[in-house]
Protein backbone atom coordinates (compact mmCIF):
# COMPACT_ATOMS: atom_id res chain seq x y z
CA MET A 1 19.84 -52.69 19.50
CA ILE A 2 16.67 -52.84 21.76
CA ARG A 3 18.47 -53.23 24.33
CA LYS A 4 20.67 -50.70 24.19
CA PHE A 5 18.56 -47.94 23.67
CA THR A 6 16.55 -48.52 25.95
CA ALA A 7 19.36 -49.40 28.82
CA GLY A 8 20.37 -45.26 27.60
CA VAL A 9 17.13 -44.11 28.06
CA LEU A 10 16.72 -45.82 31.58
CA PHE A 11 20.49 -44.62 32.40
CA CYS A 12 18.99 -40.62 31.12
CA LEU A 13 16.20 -40.74 33.81
CA ALA A 14 17.89 -42.38 36.40
CA VAL A 15 21.44 -41.34 36.29
CA LEU A 16 21.62 -37.51 34.81
CA PRO A 17 19.03 -33.94 35.19
CA LEU A 18 15.86 -34.30 33.68
CA SER A 19 16.79 -30.95 31.79
CA PHE A 20 19.58 -32.79 30.02
CA CYS A 21 17.15 -35.50 28.92
CA LYS A 22 14.97 -33.39 27.05
CA SER A 23 17.33 -31.23 25.62
CA ALA A 24 19.03 -34.34 24.39
CA LYS A 25 16.06 -35.31 22.39
CA ALA A 26 15.38 -31.79 21.69
CA GLN A 27 13.54 -31.39 18.02
CA SER A 28 15.89 -28.68 16.21
CA VAL A 29 13.80 -26.19 14.62
CA LYS A 30 15.08 -23.16 12.59
CA VAL A 31 13.12 -20.05 13.64
CA GLY A 32 13.82 -16.81 11.20
CA PHE A 33 12.99 -12.91 12.22
CA PRO A 34 13.61 -9.71 10.31
CA SER A 35 15.00 -7.11 12.66
CA ILE A 36 16.93 -7.07 16.27
CA SER A 37 13.78 -4.61 18.30
CA VAL A 38 11.63 -5.04 20.89
CA GLU A 39 8.93 -6.29 19.03
CA PHE A 40 10.55 -9.54 19.35
CA VAL A 41 11.54 -9.96 22.97
CA PRO A 42 8.59 -12.72 23.47
CA LEU A 43 10.84 -15.27 20.76
CA PHE A 44 14.39 -13.57 23.46
CA ALA A 45 12.24 -13.83 26.54
CA ALA A 46 11.14 -18.16 25.51
CA LYS A 47 14.63 -18.96 24.26
CA ASP A 48 16.94 -17.55 27.04
CA LYS A 49 14.27 -18.90 29.89
CA GLY A 50 14.50 -22.25 28.19
CA LEU A 51 10.51 -21.98 27.60
CA PHE A 52 10.97 -23.18 23.67
CA LYS A 53 13.63 -26.76 25.64
CA LYS A 54 10.42 -27.31 28.17
CA TYR A 55 8.15 -28.49 24.61
CA GLY A 56 10.84 -30.30 23.71
CA LEU A 57 12.41 -28.22 20.43
CA ASP A 58 16.01 -26.75 20.19
CA VAL A 59 14.87 -23.49 18.49
CA ASP A 60 18.05 -21.79 16.35
CA ASP A 61 16.28 -18.32 15.88
CA ILE A 62 17.95 -16.61 13.24
CA VAL A 63 18.20 -12.56 12.34
CA MET A 64 18.26 -11.80 8.60
CA GLN A 65 17.93 -8.22 6.95
CA GLY A 66 14.47 -7.94 7.00
CA GLY A 67 10.44 -9.03 6.16
CA THR A 68 11.37 -9.90 2.28
CA GLN A 69 14.49 -11.84 3.60
CA VAL A 70 12.92 -13.73 5.70
CA VAL A 71 10.19 -14.98 3.01
CA GLN A 72 12.19 -15.92 0.78
CA ALA A 73 13.88 -18.10 3.47
CA LEU A 74 10.94 -20.03 4.29
CA ILE A 75 10.06 -20.95 1.37
CA GLY A 76 13.43 -21.58 0.16
CA GLY A 77 12.76 -24.01 3.30
CA SER A 78 16.21 -23.00 5.38
CA LEU A 79 13.57 -21.85 7.67
CA ASP A 80 11.04 -24.06 9.11
CA PHE A 81 8.75 -20.55 10.22
CA ALA A 82 9.17 -17.30 11.43
CA VAL A 83 8.23 -14.97 13.65
CA MET A 84 7.44 -11.61 10.99
CA GLY A 85 4.72 -9.09 10.64
CA GLY A 86 3.03 -8.42 6.82
CA ALA A 87 5.55 -8.66 5.11
CA PHE A 88 4.48 -12.14 4.90
CA LEU A 89 1.22 -11.31 2.66
CA GLY A 90 4.25 -10.39 0.16
CA GLY A 91 5.00 -13.70 -1.13
CA ALA A 92 1.45 -15.25 -0.16
CA VAL A 93 -0.49 -13.46 -2.75
CA LYS A 94 1.81 -14.79 -5.38
CA GLY A 95 1.42 -17.70 -4.22
CA ALA A 96 4.18 -19.45 -1.66
CA ASP A 97 2.31 -21.82 1.09
CA LEU A 98 2.37 -18.83 3.96
CA VAL A 99 0.08 -18.09 6.50
CA MET A 100 -0.20 -16.65 9.89
CA VAL A 101 -0.94 -18.70 13.35
CA ALA A 102 -0.64 -16.13 15.83
CA THR A 103 -0.49 -12.45 15.31
CA HIS A 104 0.80 -11.24 19.02
CA MET A 105 1.07 -7.37 17.81
CA ASP A 106 -1.61 -6.11 15.60
CA ARG A 107 -1.15 -2.74 15.35
CA PHE A 108 1.17 0.12 14.27
CA PRO A 109 3.88 0.61 16.89
CA TYR A 110 6.28 2.97 14.82
CA SER A 111 6.76 6.34 15.81
CA LEU A 112 7.73 8.98 12.86
CA VAL A 113 10.86 10.96 14.30
CA VAL A 114 12.10 14.21 12.07
CA LYS A 115 14.60 16.93 11.84
CA PRO A 116 14.30 19.52 14.90
CA ASP A 117 13.09 22.01 11.63
CA ILE A 118 9.92 20.02 11.47
CA LYS A 119 7.55 20.66 13.32
CA LYS A 120 3.49 19.80 11.83
CA VAL A 121 2.55 17.43 8.84
CA GLU A 122 2.47 20.02 6.87
CA ASP A 123 6.34 20.55 6.66
CA LEU A 124 6.67 17.00 5.75
CA LYS A 125 6.69 17.63 2.12
CA ASN A 126 9.07 17.02 -0.68
CA LYS A 127 11.23 15.41 2.31
CA LYS A 128 13.05 12.40 2.66
CA LEU A 129 11.64 9.96 4.64
CA GLY A 130 13.49 5.90 5.22
CA ILE A 131 12.06 3.11 5.62
CA SER A 132 13.66 -0.60 5.84
CA GLY A 133 12.92 -1.56 2.29
CA PHE A 134 10.15 -1.60 -0.26
CA GLY A 135 7.20 -3.25 0.40
CA SER A 136 8.69 -3.92 4.22
CA THR A 137 6.23 -3.30 7.60
CA SER A 138 8.01 -0.41 7.66
CA HIS A 139 7.29 1.22 4.21
CA ALA A 140 3.02 -0.16 4.79
CA ALA A 141 2.69 1.82 8.14
CA LEU A 142 4.59 5.14 6.70
CA GLN A 143 1.99 4.57 3.98
CA LEU A 144 -0.61 4.38 5.96
CA SER A 145 -0.60 6.43 8.56
CA LEU A 146 1.30 9.31 6.28
CA GLU A 147 -2.75 8.57 4.41
CA ARG A 148 -3.92 9.29 7.57
CA VAL A 149 -2.64 12.21 8.33
CA GLY A 150 -3.87 13.85 5.40
CA LEU A 151 -0.84 13.49 2.86
CA ASN A 152 0.58 11.24 -0.35
CA PRO A 153 2.80 9.26 0.62
CA LYS A 154 3.46 8.21 -3.52
CA LYS A 155 3.84 12.59 -3.61
CA ASP A 156 3.79 14.36 -1.17
CA VAL A 157 7.25 12.71 -0.19
CA VAL A 158 10.86 10.86 -1.19
CA ILE A 159 10.70 7.37 0.23
CA LEU A 160 14.14 5.66 0.46
CA GLN A 161 15.21 2.46 1.52
CA ILE A 162 18.08 2.53 3.78
CA GLY A 163 18.26 -0.44 7.03
CA GLY A 164 16.97 -1.48 9.37
CA GLN A 165 16.33 0.64 12.77
CA SER A 166 19.94 1.02 13.95
CA ALA A 167 21.18 1.82 10.07
CA ARG A 168 17.60 4.71 9.72
CA PHE A 169 18.35 6.00 13.09
CA ALA A 170 21.69 6.09 12.09
CA ALA A 171 20.69 7.97 8.83
CA LEU A 172 18.70 10.79 10.51
CA LYS A 173 21.64 11.80 13.01
CA ALA A 174 24.25 12.36 9.91
CA GLY A 175 21.50 14.00 8.30
CA SER A 176 21.17 12.04 5.06
CA ILE A 177 17.20 11.16 5.78
CA ASP A 178 14.86 13.39 6.80
CA GLY A 179 13.22 11.77 9.15
CA THR A 180 11.70 7.38 10.18
CA ILE A 181 10.29 5.84 12.19
CA VAL A 182 11.33 3.79 14.77
CA ILE A 183 10.24 1.94 17.66
CA SER A 184 10.76 2.45 21.55
CA PRO A 185 13.85 2.95 22.41
CA PHE A 186 15.25 4.73 19.24
CA THR A 187 12.50 7.12 20.17
CA VAL A 188 13.54 8.21 23.38
CA ALA A 189 16.86 7.87 22.23
CA ALA A 190 16.00 9.99 19.05
CA GLN A 191 13.94 12.56 21.33
CA ARG A 192 17.65 13.02 23.97
CA LEU A 193 19.27 14.47 20.90
CA GLY A 194 16.56 17.59 19.16
CA PHE A 195 14.67 15.29 17.12
CA ASN A 196 10.87 15.27 17.00
CA VAL A 197 8.72 12.73 17.52
CA LEU A 198 5.77 13.78 14.90
CA PHE A 199 3.54 11.66 15.41
CA ASN A 200 3.18 7.80 16.95
CA MET A 201 1.15 5.62 14.70
CA ALA A 202 0.17 3.63 17.99
CA LYS A 203 -2.15 6.07 18.90
CA LEU A 204 -3.49 6.20 14.90
CA GLY A 205 -5.84 2.61 15.65
CA ILE A 206 -4.41 1.18 12.35
CA PRO A 207 -5.34 -2.06 12.34
CA TYR A 208 -1.96 -4.22 11.22
CA PRO A 209 -0.40 -7.42 11.69
CA GLN A 210 2.59 -6.32 12.53
CA GLU A 211 3.69 -9.34 14.44
CA GLY A 212 3.14 -12.71 14.44
CA VAL A 213 4.36 -16.86 13.82
CA VAL A 214 4.08 -17.22 10.05
CA ALA A 215 4.44 -21.10 8.44
CA SER A 216 3.50 -23.27 5.07
CA ARG A 217 0.69 -25.10 5.04
CA GLN A 218 2.99 -27.81 4.03
CA TYR A 219 4.79 -27.52 7.37
CA ILE A 220 2.03 -27.34 9.38
CA SER A 221 0.61 -30.40 8.20
CA LYS A 222 3.58 -32.48 8.20
CA HIS A 223 4.84 -30.91 11.64
CA ARG A 224 1.52 -29.37 13.40
CA GLN A 225 3.02 -30.38 16.86
CA THR A 226 6.07 -28.28 16.84
CA VAL A 227 4.15 -25.62 15.82
CA LEU A 228 2.45 -25.96 18.66
CA ASN A 229 4.97 -26.95 21.38
CA PHE A 230 6.39 -23.75 19.78
CA LEU A 231 3.08 -21.81 20.20
CA LYS A 232 3.35 -22.96 23.74
CA GLY A 233 7.10 -21.56 24.26
CA PHE A 234 5.99 -18.12 23.04
CA LEU A 235 3.15 -18.29 24.79
CA GLU A 236 4.32 -18.15 28.34
CA ALA A 237 7.55 -15.94 27.48
CA ILE A 238 4.12 -13.68 26.79
CA ARG A 239 2.89 -14.06 30.21
CA ASP A 240 5.79 -14.10 31.76
CA ILE A 241 7.40 -10.56 30.52
CA LYS A 242 3.94 -8.90 31.14
CA VAL A 243 4.35 -9.97 34.58
CA ASN A 244 7.95 -9.19 35.36
CA LYS A 245 8.33 -6.61 34.21
CA GLU A 246 12.74 -6.35 35.43
CA PHE A 247 12.96 -9.94 33.53
CA ALA A 248 12.19 -8.08 30.45
CA ILE A 249 13.57 -5.33 30.89
CA SER A 250 16.81 -7.77 30.95
CA VAL A 251 15.33 -8.98 28.23
CA MET A 252 15.69 -6.37 25.74
CA ALA A 253 18.91 -4.53 27.54
CA LYS A 254 20.29 -7.68 26.30
CA HIS A 255 19.74 -8.37 22.89
CA LEU A 256 18.67 -5.22 21.97
CA LYS A 257 22.49 -4.36 24.04
CA MET A 258 21.91 -1.62 25.84
CA ASP A 259 23.37 -0.43 29.25
CA PRO A 260 20.57 -1.83 31.51
CA LYS A 261 21.58 0.94 34.08
CA LYS A 262 22.47 4.21 31.61
CA ASP A 263 19.21 3.04 29.26
CA ARG A 264 16.90 2.77 32.08
CA ASP A 265 15.09 4.34 30.82
CA ALA A 266 15.16 4.02 27.17
CA LEU A 267 14.18 0.82 28.39
CA GLU A 268 10.84 1.79 30.37
CA ASP A 269 9.35 3.47 27.56
CA ALA A 270 9.73 0.20 25.44
CA TYR A 271 8.53 -1.83 28.20
CA GLN A 272 5.39 0.55 28.60
CA ASP A 273 4.65 1.45 24.64
CA ILE A 274 4.93 -2.59 23.90
CA VAL A 275 5.14 -5.24 26.40
CA VAL A 276 2.71 -3.85 28.35
CA GLU A 277 -0.12 -1.72 25.73
CA GLN A 278 1.07 -3.73 22.29
CA ILE A 279 2.07 -7.40 22.62
CA VAL A 280 -1.59 -9.11 22.95
CA LYS A 281 -2.16 -11.99 25.52
CA ASN A 282 -4.18 -14.11 23.05
CA PRO A 283 -2.52 -14.01 19.47
CA GLN A 284 -5.61 -15.00 17.57
CA PRO A 285 -4.40 -14.05 14.26
CA ASN A 286 -6.41 -10.76 12.99
CA LEU A 287 -8.48 -10.72 10.24
CA ASN A 288 -8.84 -6.96 10.41
CA ALA A 289 -4.95 -6.65 10.53
CA ILE A 290 -4.91 -8.90 7.58
CA LYS A 291 -7.69 -7.55 6.19
CA ALA A 292 -5.56 -3.67 6.16
CA ALA A 293 -3.11 -5.53 4.95
CA LEU A 294 -4.07 -6.85 1.83
CA GLU A 295 -6.40 -3.73 1.33
CA LEU A 296 -2.78 -1.25 0.85
CA MET A 297 -1.35 -4.37 -1.50
CA ASN A 298 -4.39 -3.74 -3.52
CA VAL A 299 -3.70 0.14 -3.39
CA ASN A 300 0.35 -0.51 -4.35
CA ASN A 301 0.12 -3.23 -6.80
CA ASP A 302 -3.25 -3.65 -8.17
CA MET A 303 -3.83 -7.15 -6.02
CA LYS A 304 -5.06 -9.92 -8.74
CA ALA A 305 -4.58 -12.36 -5.36
CA SER A 306 -7.64 -13.34 -3.54
CA MET A 307 -8.68 -10.67 -0.52
CA ASP A 308 -10.36 -12.71 1.27
CA PRO A 309 -8.17 -12.17 5.05
CA LYS A 310 -9.10 -16.32 5.73
CA GLN A 311 -7.31 -17.13 2.84
CA TYR A 312 -3.50 -16.21 5.03
CA VAL A 313 -4.33 -17.52 8.37
CA ASP A 314 -4.11 -20.76 10.09
CA ALA A 315 -6.47 -20.02 13.30
CA SER A 316 -6.90 -23.54 13.82
CA LEU A 317 -3.58 -23.92 16.20
CA MET A 318 -4.58 -20.87 18.34
CA GLU A 319 -8.18 -22.16 18.85
CA GLU A 320 -6.61 -25.96 20.04
CA LEU A 321 -4.58 -24.33 22.40
CA GLU A 322 -7.52 -22.26 23.81
CA LYS A 323 -9.68 -25.39 23.66
CA SER A 324 -7.92 -27.06 24.69
CA GLY A 325 -6.88 -24.85 28.53
CA PHE A 326 -3.98 -24.07 27.64
CA LEU A 327 -3.69 -20.79 27.27
CA SER A 328 -6.47 -20.20 30.31
CA SER A 329 -4.23 -22.69 32.23
CA VAL A 330 -0.94 -19.79 31.81
CA TYR A 331 -1.98 -16.89 33.91
CA LYS A 332 -2.92 -18.87 36.26
C-alpha cells in the first residue's frame, strides 16, 4: 500500500502539472456569505484567480439569504466558516461559539435612496423603508444612521423586511416602499432612474463590523491552518483588486451579472466607493466596530451578554500572519 501511494505521488509530481497535483489533494471547505454584493469581491476574486487553491483549499462559496441564515448554518455545522458582517453577533451574544477573525470592511457602505419627492431628512417621517431582515447588518445600518441624522428609527419611520439588495431595489421601483439602503453599483442605478440619494452612510463615520471572516472557536482550534490558508488567499485577493482595477471590475461584472461596457460607470463607482475607499489592506478585527454593534444590540434587546468586544474576536490569526511577514510580503 505504501509503495503504491509513493508511486502515485511520484507520478503526479513527475508527469502532471503542479497545479493539478495541488488541486488533487486540496482540502474542501464550505464558506457561506449572505448575499451577492460588491462587499464580497475579495472572496469572488480569490476563487476566480485560484488563490485558495494556491494554499491547498477547494473553497465552495455558498450564497445564502442574509446574515441570520449564515449564522444558523454555522451553528448547525453545514458551513466551515463564513464571510459576513455584524449579524454573527446575534448568535454569539446568545452563546454561539462564533468569533470574527478578520474585518475587511469596518464602516457602513450604504446610501439611503428614496423616492424623488423626498428631498430632506425630515421628509422621511412616517415613510416605509426597506431592509433585508430584522437583526441584519442593513437593519443596524439604517437604525444607526437615522439616529445620527436626528430621527428615531422606532417612531419616525416604518421599517419593513424585504430581502437582499435586488429585492429591495425592485420594491423601491415598484413603489411598495419609499426608500431603502443599497451600495454601489445600485446607488448609480437608482440615481439614473430619478431616485434621490439622501445620504451616504460611509461619510457619517459610524464604525461597524460590516464584513469580515467569521468562524467558531472550535473550528479554529481544530483547523487553524485551514483558516490561515483561507486568509492568505483572501489577503492576496484584496491586494489584487486594489492594484488591478480592470481585474476588479471584471470580477464585479461577472458576479453581479453586469455588462462591463454598458455598466462601466456603475462599476467604476462601486470600485471607488468600496474597493478603494472601504476595503482595508490589513483586516485586523476592529474592536471599536464590534463595540458599536454590541451597543446597538443592547439598546434594542436589553442584552445580558458581555459588552467586551474582545469576547467576540480572535485576532491571533491576523497577528500571526503579520508577525510572520506574510502580510508585508503581499504588497512587496
